[in-house]
Amino acid sequence: MTETEHRIQSEYETLYQREYAVLAPDMRRLYENAKRDQWNASRDIDWSQPVDLDKGIFADGLIDGYGSEFWNKLDEKTRRELNVEFSCWRISQLLHGEEGAMLACSQLVDMVPTNDAKFFQSTQVVDEARHTEVLSRYLNEKCGGRIYPMNHNVKHLFDYLLGQGKWFIKTAGLQLVAETFAVGLFRMLAETAQDPVLKSISKRILLDESRHMGFSVIGLPDMIASLSPSEMSELEDFVAEACRLVLRGQFPREAFEKIGFNKSEIDQVQKIRVESAKSNDYVFFRQIFRREMYTQVVSNMKKVGLMTPRTAENLRKLGIDPTIDGRAATLESQPGA
């Protein structure tokens, strides 16, 4: 095995469902929406548009260390190089996540309990394949093949999801947590990216991700209500860990190393990142992303019946206010946050 592949042992039960009447009308409606909203990455993205790497890809405000004394000392050439490498590192992690989601959804087609849900999951497999296609094509064709290896946190999350034999664990981890994170991030990129091609891609993906997130809101409540106390505890703990993995520890050290920063400089940037997250003058659109991400996580957990006292306490430990109402959010940032 190389750094571009690894094997995961998985075992799960396939439900061969032969009841073809509509059993879950809301889920069937989601499936109809998925068919209606399909798009083609080859046709619907204007790949003829050039990407000006000298201008940058993400907004500079997303780069760790932005606005600090460290950033202000960098010359313009280094800032532009860092923008490109940082952006490609982040997009690479999204790419690896989309590939993992494709694999997880292919398993869910076997596992979910109704054909209405199986039909929808089959469309999500196609969606995630398209997202993997479009992001890999962007990195290869527009960014000179800058695809970074999978971050430890992303790998840990998907290794667990893909090896897990319970569909409600896969669904909660994928649609309730990972997709919520993706919705917030792609929305931010659609609004703030400097590159118009990436903006176009992000807007397309965002439409699909919002629909995927809806699967958990429709499909999980009945299952969660039927869980035994031990199964509920397992789900509560897993969701807390999944939130930690997507929100913390994804520091793009390799991007800074690629530019030539030494360990001391990179450690300084990581410290600035943590301190910036605590500051009131944290970059505006990162504040907005954080608020929307946390609001959506809390809202969806409430909708599916997962906002138990234990879940609420787990979220508080991550700095997420379980009473959040959409107007404010706080983060008690920790190293690697």
Protein backbone atom coordinates (compact mmCIF):
# COMPACT_ATOMS: atom_id res chain seq x y z
CA MET A 1 0.00 0.00 0.00
CA THR A 2 1.19 3.56 -0.73
CA GLU A 3 0.19 6.95 0.69
CA THR A 4 -2.45 7.14 -2.05
CA GLU A 5 -4.31 4.00 -0.92
CA HIS A 6 -4.94 1.78 2.08
CA ARG A 7 -7.29 -1.07 2.97
CA ILE A 8 -10.02 -1.07 5.61
CA GLN A 9 -11.64 -4.24 6.90
CA SER A 10 -15.41 -3.83 6.95
CA GLU A 11 -18.35 -6.08 7.66
CA TYR A 12 -21.98 -5.06 7.55
CA GLU A 13 -25.37 -6.57 6.99
CA THR A 14 -27.07 -6.07 3.62
CA LEU A 15 -30.82 -5.67 3.68
CA TYR A 16 -32.32 -6.94 0.43
CA GLN A 17 -35.52 -4.91 0.49
CA ARG A 18 -38.29 -6.15 -1.81
CA GLU A 19 -41.10 -3.86 -0.69
CA TYR A 20 -41.48 -1.43 -3.59
CA ALA A 21 -44.33 0.74 -2.41
CA VAL A 22 -43.42 4.22 -1.15
CA LEU A 23 -42.87 3.69 2.58
CA ALA A 24 -41.12 6.99 3.36
CA PRO A 25 -42.68 9.82 1.30
CA ASP A 26 -40.23 12.48 2.56
CA MET A 27 -37.29 10.30 1.59
CA ARG A 28 -38.80 9.58 -1.83
CA ARG A 29 -39.25 13.34 -2.31
CA LEU A 30 -35.55 13.82 -1.50
CA TYR A 31 -34.75 11.19 -4.12
CA GLU A 32 -36.87 13.03 -6.69
CA ASN A 33 -35.01 16.26 -5.88
CA ALA A 34 -31.70 14.46 -6.32
CA LYS A 35 -32.68 13.26 -9.78
CA ARG A 36 -33.87 16.73 -10.72
CA ASP A 37 -30.69 18.47 -9.54
CA GLN A 38 -28.00 16.30 -11.15
CA TRP A 39 -25.19 18.20 -12.88
CA ASN A 40 -22.23 17.23 -15.03
CA ALA A 41 -18.75 18.31 -13.91
CA SER A 42 -17.47 18.15 -17.50
CA ARG A 43 -20.30 20.20 -18.96
CA ASP A 44 -21.46 22.58 -16.23
CA ILE A 45 -18.09 23.93 -15.06
CA ASP A 46 -16.26 26.30 -17.41
CA TRP A 47 -12.86 24.62 -17.46
CA SER A 48 -11.63 27.06 -20.13
CA GLN A 49 -11.36 29.79 -17.49
CA PRO A 50 -7.75 30.31 -16.42
CA VAL A 51 -6.86 30.22 -12.73
CA ASP A 52 -4.49 33.04 -11.77
CA LEU A 53 -2.32 31.40 -9.12
CA ASP A 54 -0.39 34.67 -8.71
CA LYS A 55 -3.61 36.22 -7.43
CA GLY A 56 -4.35 33.32 -5.06
CA ILE A 57 -7.20 30.85 -4.63
CA PHE A 58 -8.77 31.32 -1.19
CA ALA A 59 -9.27 34.71 0.40
CA ASP A 60 -6.11 35.55 2.36
CA GLY A 61 -8.17 35.83 5.55
CA LEU A 62 -8.56 32.05 5.60
CA ILE A 63 -4.81 31.43 5.82
CA ASP A 64 -3.52 30.59 9.28
CA GLY A 65 -1.45 33.48 10.58
CA TYR A 66 -3.18 36.09 8.42
CA GLY A 67 -3.12 39.61 9.89
CA SER A 68 -0.49 38.75 12.48
CA GLU A 69 3.01 40.19 12.84
CA PHE A 70 4.24 36.96 11.25
CA TRP A 71 2.07 37.54 8.16
CA ASN A 72 3.01 41.21 7.91
CA LYS A 73 6.71 40.30 7.68
CA LEU A 74 6.18 38.08 4.63
CA ASP A 75 6.92 39.50 1.20
CA GLU A 76 4.19 39.48 -1.41
CA LYS A 77 5.69 36.57 -3.33
CA THR A 78 5.73 34.36 -0.24
CA ARG A 79 2.15 35.33 0.63
CA ARG A 80 0.95 34.34 -2.83
CA GLU A 81 2.84 31.02 -2.73
CA LEU A 82 1.45 30.29 0.73
CA ASN A 83 -2.07 31.12 -0.45
CA VAL A 84 -1.83 28.53 -3.23
CA GLU A 85 -0.31 25.78 -1.09
CA PHE A 86 -2.67 26.42 1.82
CA SER A 87 -5.68 26.41 -0.53
CA CYS A 88 -4.59 23.20 -2.23
CA TRP A 89 -4.01 21.51 1.14
CA ARG A 90 -7.55 22.41 2.26
CA ILE A 91 -9.11 21.36 -1.06
CA SER A 92 -7.13 18.10 -0.87
CA GLN A 93 -8.73 17.27 2.49
CA LEU A 94 -12.17 18.00 1.01
CA LEU A 95 -11.28 15.76 -1.93
CA HIS A 96 -10.29 12.87 0.33
CA GLY A 97 -13.48 13.39 2.32
CA GLU A 98 -15.62 13.24 -0.83
CA GLU A 99 -13.93 9.97 -1.84
CA GLY A 100 -14.59 8.58 1.64
CA ALA A 101 -18.20 9.73 1.46
CA MET A 102 -18.63 7.94 -1.87
CA LEU A 103 -17.42 4.69 -0.31
CA ALA A 104 -19.56 5.12 2.81
CA CYS A 105 -22.70 5.86 0.79
CA SER A 106 -22.13 2.79 -1.36
CA GLN A 107 -22.24 0.78 1.87
CA LEU A 108 -25.36 2.61 3.03
CA VAL A 109 -27.22 1.54 -0.11
CA ASP A 110 -26.96 -2.00 1.27
CA MET A 111 -27.72 -1.11 4.86
CA VAL A 112 -30.55 1.44 5.04
CA PRO A 113 -34.00 0.02 5.81
CA THR A 114 -36.31 1.13 2.96
CA ASN A 115 -36.03 1.28 -0.80
CA ASP A 116 -36.87 4.99 -0.57
CA ALA A 117 -33.66 5.46 1.41
CA LYS A 118 -31.72 3.06 -0.84
CA PHE A 119 -32.81 5.00 -3.92
CA PHE A 120 -31.62 8.26 -2.39
CA GLN A 121 -28.32 6.79 -1.21
CA SER A 122 -27.64 5.55 -4.74
CA THR A 123 -27.93 9.15 -5.96
CA GLN A 124 -25.56 10.29 -3.24
CA VAL A 125 -22.95 7.78 -4.42
CA VAL A 126 -23.14 9.50 -7.82
CA ASP A 127 -23.00 12.94 -6.19
CA GLU A 128 -19.91 12.08 -4.16
CA ALA A 129 -18.22 10.56 -7.23
CA ARG A 130 -18.89 13.82 -9.09
CA HIS A 131 -17.47 15.88 -6.22
CA THR A 132 -14.36 13.70 -6.17
CA GLU A 133 -14.06 14.09 -9.93
CA VAL A 134 -14.46 17.87 -9.96
CA LEU A 135 -12.10 18.59 -7.05
CA SER A 136 -9.38 16.24 -8.33
CA ARG A 137 -9.69 17.77 -11.79
CA TYR A 138 -9.41 21.27 -10.32
CA LEU A 139 -6.26 20.39 -8.38
CA ASN A 140 -4.69 18.53 -11.30
CA GLU A 141 -5.60 20.86 -14.16
CA LYS A 142 -5.72 24.26 -12.48
CA CYS A 143 -3.27 23.88 -9.60
CA GLY A 144 -0.46 21.87 -11.15
CA GLY A 145 -1.36 18.55 -9.52
CA ARG A 146 -0.99 19.85 -5.96
CA ILE A 147 -2.83 17.04 -4.13
CA TYR A 148 -1.69 16.69 -0.54
CA PRO A 149 -1.92 13.45 1.46
CA MET A 150 -4.93 12.77 3.66
CA ASN A 151 -4.84 14.47 7.04
CA HIS A 152 -4.75 12.15 10.08
CA ASN A 153 -8.12 13.35 11.37
CA VAL A 154 -9.88 12.80 8.04
CA LYS A 155 -8.32 9.34 7.75
CA HIS A 156 -9.26 8.41 11.31
CA LEU A 157 -12.88 9.46 10.81
CA PHE A 158 -13.40 7.61 7.54
CA ASP A 159 -11.50 4.51 8.62
CA TYR A 160 -13.95 4.23 11.49
CA LEU A 161 -17.03 5.02 9.38
CA LEU A 162 -16.10 2.56 6.64
CA GLY A 163 -15.31 -0.23 9.09
CA GLN A 164 -18.46 0.36 11.12
CA GLY A 165 -21.35 -2.12 10.74
CA LYS A 166 -24.21 0.10 11.98
CA TRP A 167 -25.96 2.29 9.47
CA PHE A 168 -27.04 4.91 11.99
CA ILE A 169 -23.39 5.43 13.00
CA LYS A 170 -22.36 5.85 9.35
CA THR A 171 -25.26 8.22 8.70
CA ALA A 172 -24.66 10.34 11.79
CA GLY A 173 -20.94 10.62 11.14
CA LEU A 174 -21.31 11.34 7.44
CA GLN A 175 -24.51 13.31 6.95
CA LEU A 176 -24.99 14.83 10.40
CA VAL A 177 -21.38 15.89 11.07
CA ALA A 178 -19.13 15.72 7.98
CA GLU A 179 -21.76 17.07 5.57
CA THR A 180 -22.64 19.89 7.96
CA PHE A 181 -18.99 20.89 8.01
CA ALA A 182 -18.84 20.65 4.20
CA VAL A 183 -21.95 22.80 3.76
CA GLY A 184 -20.44 25.54 5.92
CA LEU A 185 -17.05 25.41 4.19
CA PHE A 186 -18.34 25.25 0.61
CA ARG A 187 -20.72 28.13 1.36
CA MET A 188 -17.80 30.20 2.62
CA LEU A 189 -15.72 29.33 -0.46
CA ALA A 190 -18.63 30.11 -2.78
CA GLU A 191 -18.83 33.58 -1.24
CA THR A 192 -15.16 34.44 -0.63
CA ALA A 193 -12.86 32.45 -2.96
CA GLN A 194 -10.71 34.64 -5.19
CA ASP A 195 -10.79 32.14 -8.04
CA PRO A 196 -14.05 32.16 -10.06
CA VAL A 197 -13.66 28.49 -11.10
CA LEU A 198 -13.51 27.37 -7.47
CA LYS A 199 -16.48 29.62 -6.69
CA SER A 200 -18.50 27.93 -9.42
CA ILE A 201 -17.50 24.45 -8.22
CA SER A 202 -18.34 25.31 -4.60
CA LYS A 203 -21.80 26.60 -5.51
CA ARG A 204 -22.56 23.38 -7.41
CA ILE A 205 -21.33 21.12 -4.63
CA LEU A 206 -23.17 23.15 -2.01
CA LEU A 207 -26.54 22.32 -3.57
CA ASP A 208 -25.79 18.60 -3.29
CA GLU A 209 -24.36 18.76 0.23
CA SER A 210 -27.42 20.53 1.59
CA ARG A 211 -29.56 17.70 0.24
CA HIS A 212 -27.26 15.07 1.76
CA MET A 213 -27.49 16.73 5.15
CA GLY A 214 -31.26 16.47 4.80
CA PHE A 215 -31.02 12.67 4.60
CA SER A 216 -29.97 12.44 8.24
CA VAL A 217 -32.72 14.80 9.37
CA ILE A 218 -35.33 12.62 7.65
CA GLY A 219 -33.78 9.19 8.18
CA LEU A 220 -32.35 9.24 11.71
CA PRO A 221 -35.16 10.27 14.12
CA ASP A 222 -37.06 6.96 14.11
CA MET A 223 -33.87 4.95 14.38
CA ILE A 224 -32.51 7.06 17.23
CA ALA A 225 -35.81 6.76 19.09
CA SER A 226 -35.52 2.97 18.89
CA LEU A 227 -31.96 2.68 20.21
CA SER A 228 -31.16 0.87 23.44
CA PRO A 229 -29.40 2.89 26.19
CA SER A 230 -26.04 1.31 25.33
CA GLU A 231 -26.48 2.03 21.61
CA MET A 232 -27.47 5.61 22.41
CA SER A 233 -24.34 6.08 24.51
CA GLU A 234 -22.25 4.70 21.67
CA LEU A 235 -23.83 7.15 19.23
CA GLU A 236 -23.43 10.11 21.61
CA ASP A 237 -19.74 9.37 22.09
CA PHE A 238 -19.12 8.80 18.40
CA VAL A 239 -20.80 12.05 17.34
CA ALA A 240 -18.70 13.99 19.85
CA GLU A 241 -15.54 12.38 18.50
CA ALA A 242 -16.61 13.04 14.89
CA CYS A 243 -17.19 16.72 15.73
CA ARG A 244 -13.75 16.89 17.34
CA LEU A 245 -12.10 15.35 14.29
CA VAL A 246 -13.66 17.74 11.77
CA LEU A 247 -13.25 20.86 13.92
CA ARG A 248 -9.82 20.32 15.44
CA GLY A 249 -6.33 19.24 14.50
CA GLN A 250 -6.50 20.03 10.78
CA PHE A 251 -3.47 22.29 10.65
CA PRO A 252 -1.85 22.45 7.18
CA ARG A 253 1.74 21.93 8.34
CA GLU A 254 2.72 20.39 4.99
CA ALA A 255 1.71 23.58 3.14
CA PHE A 256 3.98 25.70 5.30
CA GLU A 257 6.79 23.16 4.91
CA LYS A 258 6.39 23.30 1.12
CA ILE A 259 7.06 27.06 1.18
CA GLY A 260 10.19 26.48 3.25
CA PHE A 261 9.16 27.51 6.76
CA ASN A 262 11.10 25.78 9.53
CA LYS A 263 9.60 23.98 12.53
CA SER A 264 9.92 26.99 14.84
CA GLU A 265 8.12 29.26 12.36
CA ILE A 266 5.37 26.71 11.78
CA ASP A 267 4.87 26.24 15.52
CA GLN A 268 4.56 30.02 15.80
CA VAL A 269 1.84 30.07 13.14
CA GLN A 270 -0.04 27.28 14.91
CA LYS A 271 0.09 29.29 18.15
CA ILE A 272 -1.18 32.38 16.32
CA ARG A 273 -4.03 30.29 14.89
CA VAL A 274 -5.16 29.24 18.36
CA GLU A 275 -4.88 32.75 19.78
CA SER A 276 -6.71 34.26 16.79
CA ALA A 277 -9.64 31.93 17.32
CA LYS A 278 -10.05 33.34 20.83
CA SER A 279 -9.92 36.94 19.65
CA ASN A 280 -12.89 39.21 19.03
CA ASP A 281 -11.24 40.46 15.85
CA TYR A 282 -11.08 36.96 14.34
CA VAL A 283 -11.50 37.32 10.56
CA PHE A 284 -15.14 38.15 9.89
CA PHE A 285 -16.05 35.39 7.45
CA ARG A 286 -14.31 32.78 9.60
CA GLN A 287 -16.50 33.95 12.45
CA ILE A 288 -19.53 33.58 10.19
CA PHE A 289 -18.48 30.06 9.14
CA ARG A 290 -17.95 29.03 12.75
CA ARG A 291 -21.31 30.43 13.81
CA GLU A 292 -23.20 28.80 10.94
CA MET A 293 -21.38 25.48 11.38
CA TYR A 294 -22.13 25.31 15.09
CA THR A 295 -25.70 26.49 14.66
CA GLN A 296 -26.39 23.83 12.04
CA VAL A 297 -24.76 21.05 14.09
CA VAL A 298 -26.87 21.91 17.12
CA SER A 299 -30.03 22.39 15.07
CA ASN A 300 -29.69 19.05 13.27
CA MET A 301 -28.91 17.15 16.46
CA LYS A 302 -32.07 18.56 17.98
CA LYS A 303 -34.10 17.62 14.92
CA VAL A 304 -33.02 13.97 15.00
CA GLY A 305 -33.42 13.56 18.76
CA LEU A 306 -29.73 13.40 19.57
CA MET A 307 -29.46 16.50 21.76
CA THR A 308 -29.46 14.58 25.03
CA PRO A 309 -27.87 15.95 28.23
CA ARG A 310 -24.81 13.78 27.49
CA THR A 311 -24.53 15.12 23.94
CA ALA A 312 -24.94 18.68 25.21
CA GLU A 313 -22.11 18.18 27.68
CA ASN A 314 -19.89 16.66 24.99
CA LEU A 315 -20.52 19.69 22.77
CA ARG A 316 -19.69 22.10 25.61
CA LYS A 317 -16.32 20.37 25.97
CA LEU A 318 -15.70 21.22 22.30
CA GLY A 319 -16.72 24.83 22.88
CA ILE A 320 -20.08 24.50 21.12
CA ASP A 321 -23.01 26.03 22.95
CA PRO A 322 -25.91 23.51 22.77
CA THR A 323 -28.42 26.32 23.44
CA ILE A 324 -27.21 28.23 20.38
CA ASP A 325 -30.02 30.12 18.60
CA GLY A 326 -28.33 31.15 15.38
CA ARG A 327 -27.33 34.65 16.54
CA ALA A 328 -24.12 33.79 18.36
CA ALA A 329 -21.55 31.05 18.69
CA THR A 330 -18.46 30.64 20.81
CA LEU A 331 -15.38 28.50 20.58
CA GLU A 332 -13.13 27.75 23.51
CA SER A 333 -10.21 27.09 21.22
CA GLN A 334 -7.56 24.53 22.09
CA PRO A 335 -4.24 23.70 20.42
CA GLY A 336 -4.90 22.50 16.89
CA ALA A 337 -8.39 24.03 16.86
